[in-house]
């Protein structure tokens, strides 16, 4: 019985039901940067001439925190985490009397 199941499994595994895939040619930009930087205009959204999109992006820039502020908040959170974990570490007390 085990040999029959094994033979059936081998026969069924030989059947391929995956479709043939055509090779996809990627669309490459006209300008290539070997450093990996994307060559995109800094005001890319203005190319679409959509006032609603421009208003939303301007609002996002106005409401987003500064990078330095974000860095300071991250460092404060890391310091808070380190101080809260300090109680979990073993401590050593030494005293001396004369």
N, C-alpha and C. Protein backbone atom coordinates (compact mmCIF):
# COMPACT_ATOMS: atom_id res chain seq x y z
N UNK A 1 0.82 -1.19 0.00
CA UNK A 1 0.00 0.00 0.00
C UNK A 1 0.87 1.26 0.00
N UNK A 2 1.95 1.26 0.83
CA UNK A 2 2.84 2.41 0.89
C UNK A 2 3.54 2.65 -0.44
N UNK A 3 3.90 1.56 -1.12
CA UNK A 3 4.57 1.70 -2.42
C UNK A 3 3.62 2.29 -3.45
N UNK A 4 2.35 1.94 -3.37
CA UNK A 4 1.35 2.46 -4.29
C UNK A 4 1.15 3.96 -4.07
N UNK A 5 1.10 4.36 -2.82
CA UNK A 5 0.94 5.78 -2.50
C UNK A 5 2.16 6.56 -2.95
N UNK A 6 3.35 6.02 -2.73
CA UNK A 6 4.58 6.66 -3.15
C UNK A 6 4.63 6.79 -4.67
N UNK A 7 4.28 5.72 -5.38
CA UNK A 7 4.28 5.76 -6.85
C UNK A 7 3.26 6.76 -7.37
N UNK A 8 2.09 6.82 -6.76
CA UNK A 8 1.07 7.77 -7.16
C UNK A 8 1.53 9.21 -6.92
N UNK A 9 2.19 9.43 -5.80
CA UNK A 9 2.70 10.77 -5.48
C UNK A 9 3.76 11.19 -6.49
N UNK A 10 4.64 10.28 -6.88
CA UNK A 10 5.67 10.59 -7.86
C UNK A 10 5.07 10.89 -9.23
N UNK A 11 4.07 10.13 -9.62
CA UNK A 11 3.43 10.34 -10.92
C UNK A 11 2.71 11.69 -10.94
N UNK A 12 1.99 12.00 -9.86
CA UNK A 12 1.25 13.26 -9.82
C UNK A 12 2.17 14.46 -9.70
N UNK A 13 3.31 14.30 -9.04
CA UNK A 13 4.23 15.42 -8.90
C UNK A 13 4.94 15.75 -10.20
N UNK A 14 4.96 14.81 -11.14
CA UNK A 14 5.60 15.04 -12.42
C UNK A 14 4.73 15.92 -13.32
N UNK A 15 3.46 16.03 -13.03
CA UNK A 15 2.56 16.85 -13.84
C UNK A 15 2.77 18.32 -13.49
N UNK A 16 2.95 19.09 -14.48
CA UNK A 16 3.15 20.52 -14.27
C UNK A 16 1.90 21.27 -14.69
N UNK A 17 1.36 22.05 -13.79
CA UNK A 17 0.16 22.81 -14.10
C UNK A 17 0.43 24.31 -14.09
N UNK A 18 1.69 24.70 -14.00
CA UNK A 18 2.01 26.12 -14.00
C UNK A 18 1.98 26.64 -15.43
N UNK A 19 1.41 27.83 -15.63
CA UNK A 19 1.36 28.39 -16.98
C UNK A 19 2.74 28.89 -17.43
N UNK A 20 2.93 28.91 -18.71
CA UNK A 20 4.16 29.44 -19.27
C UNK A 20 4.16 30.95 -19.12
N UNK A 21 5.24 31.49 -18.62
CA UNK A 21 5.34 32.94 -18.41
C UNK A 21 6.19 33.56 -19.50
N UNK A 22 5.72 34.69 -19.98
CA UNK A 22 6.52 35.41 -20.96
C UNK A 22 7.51 36.29 -20.21
N UNK A 23 8.63 36.53 -20.83
CA UNK A 23 9.65 37.34 -20.20
C UNK A 23 9.23 38.80 -20.23
N UNK A 24 9.30 39.45 -19.09
CA UNK A 24 8.88 40.84 -18.98
C UNK A 24 10.12 41.73 -19.10
N UNK A 25 10.06 42.67 -20.01
CA UNK A 25 11.15 43.62 -20.18
C UNK A 25 10.87 44.83 -19.30
N UNK A 26 11.75 45.16 -18.36
CA UNK A 26 11.50 46.31 -17.50
C UNK A 26 11.66 47.62 -18.27
N UNK A 27 10.90 48.61 -17.86
CA UNK A 27 11.03 49.94 -18.45
C UNK A 27 12.13 50.68 -17.71
N UNK A 28 13.19 50.99 -18.41
CA UNK A 28 14.32 51.67 -17.79
C UNK A 28 14.24 53.17 -18.05
N UNK A 29 14.66 53.96 -17.09
CA UNK A 29 14.65 55.41 -17.31
C UNK A 29 15.71 55.81 -18.33
N UNK A 30 15.50 56.99 -18.91
CA UNK A 30 16.48 57.47 -19.89
C UNK A 30 17.81 57.80 -19.23
N UNK A 31 17.74 58.29 -17.99
CA UNK A 31 18.95 58.60 -17.24
C UNK A 31 19.13 57.54 -16.18
N UNK A 32 20.33 57.04 -16.06
CA UNK A 32 20.62 55.99 -15.08
C UNK A 32 21.64 56.50 -14.09
N UNK A 33 21.40 56.26 -12.83
CA UNK A 33 22.33 56.65 -11.78
C UNK A 33 22.92 55.39 -11.16
N UNK A 34 24.21 55.12 -11.36
CA UNK A 34 24.79 53.91 -10.80
C UNK A 34 24.80 53.90 -9.27
N UNK A 35 24.68 55.06 -8.64
CA UNK A 35 24.69 55.10 -7.17
C UNK A 35 23.35 54.66 -6.59
N UNK A 36 22.34 54.50 -7.42
CA UNK A 36 21.04 54.06 -6.93
C UNK A 36 20.10 55.21 -6.64
N UNK A 37 20.56 56.43 -6.80
CA UNK A 37 19.70 57.58 -6.56
C UNK A 37 18.69 57.71 -7.69
N UNK A 38 17.49 58.07 -7.33
CA UNK A 38 16.48 58.28 -8.35
C UNK A 38 16.55 59.72 -8.83
N UNK A 39 16.49 59.87 -10.11
CA UNK A 39 16.52 61.20 -10.69
C UNK A 39 15.09 61.67 -10.90
N UNK A 40 14.52 62.25 -9.85
CA UNK A 40 13.14 62.70 -9.89
C UNK A 40 13.13 64.18 -9.55
N UNK A 41 12.28 64.90 -10.22
CA UNK A 41 12.16 66.32 -9.92
C UNK A 41 11.67 66.49 -8.49
N UNK A 42 12.19 67.50 -7.81
CA UNK A 42 11.81 67.69 -6.40
C UNK A 42 10.36 68.11 -6.25
N UNK A 43 9.78 68.74 -7.23
CA UNK A 43 8.37 69.14 -7.19
C UNK A 43 7.59 68.32 -8.21
N UNK A 44 7.68 67.02 -8.12
CA UNK A 44 7.10 66.11 -9.11
C UNK A 44 5.59 66.23 -9.22
N UNK A 45 4.92 66.58 -8.13
CA UNK A 45 3.45 66.63 -8.14
C UNK A 45 2.92 67.80 -8.96
N UNK A 46 3.74 68.80 -9.21
CA UNK A 46 3.27 69.95 -9.99
C UNK A 46 3.12 69.61 -11.47
N UNK A 47 3.71 68.51 -11.90
CA UNK A 47 3.58 68.11 -13.30
C UNK A 47 2.15 67.70 -13.63
N UNK A 48 1.36 67.29 -12.64
CA UNK A 48 -0.02 66.85 -12.89
C UNK A 48 -1.01 68.00 -12.90
N UNK A 49 -0.57 69.16 -12.42
CA UNK A 49 -1.41 70.36 -12.41
C UNK A 49 -2.75 70.10 -11.73
N UNK A 50 -2.70 69.49 -10.55
CA UNK A 50 -3.89 69.20 -9.75
C UNK A 50 -3.84 70.07 -8.49
N UNK A 51 -4.70 71.08 -8.40
CA UNK A 51 -4.65 71.97 -7.24
C UNK A 51 -4.95 71.26 -5.92
N UNK A 52 -5.83 70.26 -5.94
CA UNK A 52 -6.14 69.53 -4.72
C UNK A 52 -4.92 68.75 -4.22
N UNK A 53 -4.20 68.11 -5.15
CA UNK A 53 -3.01 67.37 -4.78
C UNK A 53 -1.95 68.32 -4.23
N UNK A 54 -1.76 69.46 -4.88
CA UNK A 54 -0.76 70.41 -4.42
C UNK A 54 -1.11 70.95 -3.03
N UNK A 55 -2.41 71.19 -2.78
CA UNK A 55 -2.84 71.67 -1.46
C UNK A 55 -2.58 70.62 -0.40
N UNK A 56 -2.87 69.35 -0.71
CA UNK A 56 -2.63 68.27 0.26
C UNK A 56 -1.14 68.11 0.57
N UNK A 57 -0.32 68.20 -0.45
CA UNK A 57 1.12 68.04 -0.24
C UNK A 57 1.68 69.23 0.55
N UNK A 58 1.21 70.43 0.24
CA UNK A 58 1.66 71.60 1.00
C UNK A 58 1.23 71.49 2.46
N UNK A 59 0.02 70.98 2.71
CA UNK A 59 -0.45 70.78 4.08
C UNK A 59 0.40 69.73 4.79
N UNK A 60 0.75 68.67 4.07
CA UNK A 60 1.59 67.62 4.67
C UNK A 60 2.96 68.17 5.04
N UNK A 61 3.53 69.01 4.18
CA UNK A 61 4.82 69.62 4.50
C UNK A 61 4.71 70.56 5.69
N UNK A 62 3.60 71.29 5.78
CA UNK A 62 3.42 72.23 6.88
C UNK A 62 3.20 71.51 8.20
N UNK A 63 2.50 70.37 8.16
CA UNK A 63 2.16 69.65 9.39
C UNK A 63 3.21 68.63 9.81
N UNK A 64 4.15 68.33 8.96
CA UNK A 64 5.13 67.28 9.29
C UNK A 64 6.21 67.85 10.20
N UNK A 65 6.65 67.07 11.19
CA UNK A 65 7.69 67.56 12.09
C UNK A 65 9.03 67.63 11.37
N UNK A 66 9.85 68.49 11.86
CA UNK A 66 11.19 68.67 11.32
C UNK A 66 12.01 67.41 11.58
N UNK A 67 12.95 67.14 10.75
CA UNK A 67 13.78 65.94 10.90
C UNK A 67 14.56 65.97 12.21
N UNK A 68 15.05 67.12 12.61
CA UNK A 68 15.79 67.23 13.87
C UNK A 68 14.87 66.95 15.05
N UNK A 69 13.63 67.43 14.98
CA UNK A 69 12.68 67.18 16.05
C UNK A 69 12.35 65.68 16.13
N UNK A 70 12.21 65.06 14.99
CA UNK A 70 11.95 63.62 14.95
C UNK A 70 13.11 62.85 15.55
N UNK A 71 14.33 63.27 15.23
CA UNK A 71 15.52 62.61 15.79
C UNK A 71 15.56 62.79 17.30
N UNK A 72 15.24 63.96 17.78
CA UNK A 72 15.24 64.21 19.23
C UNK A 72 14.19 63.36 19.92
N UNK A 73 13.01 63.24 19.32
CA UNK A 73 11.97 62.40 19.90
C UNK A 73 12.40 60.93 19.94
N UNK A 74 13.06 60.48 18.89
CA UNK A 74 13.53 59.10 18.85
C UNK A 74 14.57 58.85 19.94
N UNK A 75 15.52 59.77 20.10
CA UNK A 75 16.54 59.61 21.13
C UNK A 75 15.93 59.64 22.53
N UNK A 76 14.93 60.49 22.74
CA UNK A 76 14.26 60.55 24.05
C UNK A 76 13.53 59.23 24.33
N UNK A 77 12.90 58.67 23.32
CA UNK A 77 12.20 57.39 23.51
C UNK A 77 13.19 56.28 23.80
N UNK A 78 14.34 56.29 23.13
CA UNK A 78 15.36 55.27 23.39
C UNK A 78 15.92 55.41 24.80
N UNK A 79 16.14 56.64 25.26
CA UNK A 79 16.65 56.87 26.61
C UNK A 79 15.62 56.43 27.65
N UNK A 80 14.35 56.70 27.39
CA UNK A 80 13.30 56.28 28.31
C UNK A 80 13.23 54.75 28.39
N UNK A 81 13.37 54.10 27.26
CA UNK A 81 13.35 52.65 27.24
C UNK A 81 14.54 52.08 28.00
N UNK A 82 15.72 52.67 27.82
CA UNK A 82 16.92 52.19 28.51
C UNK A 82 16.79 52.37 30.01
N UNK A 83 16.21 53.49 30.45
CA UNK A 83 16.08 53.71 31.90
C UNK A 83 15.01 52.80 32.49
N UNK A 84 13.98 52.48 31.73
CA UNK A 84 12.96 51.57 32.26
C UNK A 84 13.47 50.14 32.35
N UNK A 85 14.41 49.78 31.51
CA UNK A 85 14.98 48.44 31.56
C UNK A 85 16.09 48.32 32.60
N UNK A 86 16.57 49.44 33.13
CA UNK A 86 17.68 49.39 34.08
C UNK A 86 17.32 48.61 35.33
N UNK A 87 16.06 48.65 35.75
CA UNK A 87 15.65 47.91 36.93
C UNK A 87 15.67 46.41 36.74
N UNK A 88 15.71 45.96 35.49
CA UNK A 88 15.74 44.52 35.22
C UNK A 88 17.15 43.93 35.32
N UNK A 89 18.15 44.79 35.35
CA UNK A 89 19.53 44.33 35.40
C UNK A 89 19.95 44.08 36.84
N UNK A 90 20.88 43.16 37.06
CA UNK A 90 21.35 42.92 38.43
C UNK A 90 22.14 44.13 38.93
N UNK A 91 22.10 44.31 40.23
CA UNK A 91 22.85 45.43 40.81
C UNK A 91 23.82 44.90 41.86
N UNK A 92 24.83 45.68 42.18
CA UNK A 92 25.85 45.30 43.14
C UNK A 92 25.99 46.43 44.14
N UNK A 93 25.83 46.12 45.39
CA UNK A 93 25.99 47.12 46.46
C UNK A 93 27.22 46.77 47.29
N UNK A 94 28.03 47.76 47.55
CA UNK A 94 29.24 47.57 48.33
C UNK A 94 29.23 48.60 49.45
N UNK A 95 29.56 48.16 50.62
CA UNK A 95 29.66 49.10 51.74
C UNK A 95 30.93 48.76 52.55
N UNK A 96 31.48 49.77 53.14
CA UNK A 96 32.69 49.57 53.94
C UNK A 96 32.55 50.38 55.23
N UNK A 97 32.98 49.80 56.32
CA UNK A 97 32.96 50.49 57.61
C UNK A 97 34.34 50.47 58.21
N UNK A 98 34.66 51.51 58.92
CA UNK A 98 35.98 51.57 59.53
C UNK A 98 35.92 51.27 61.00
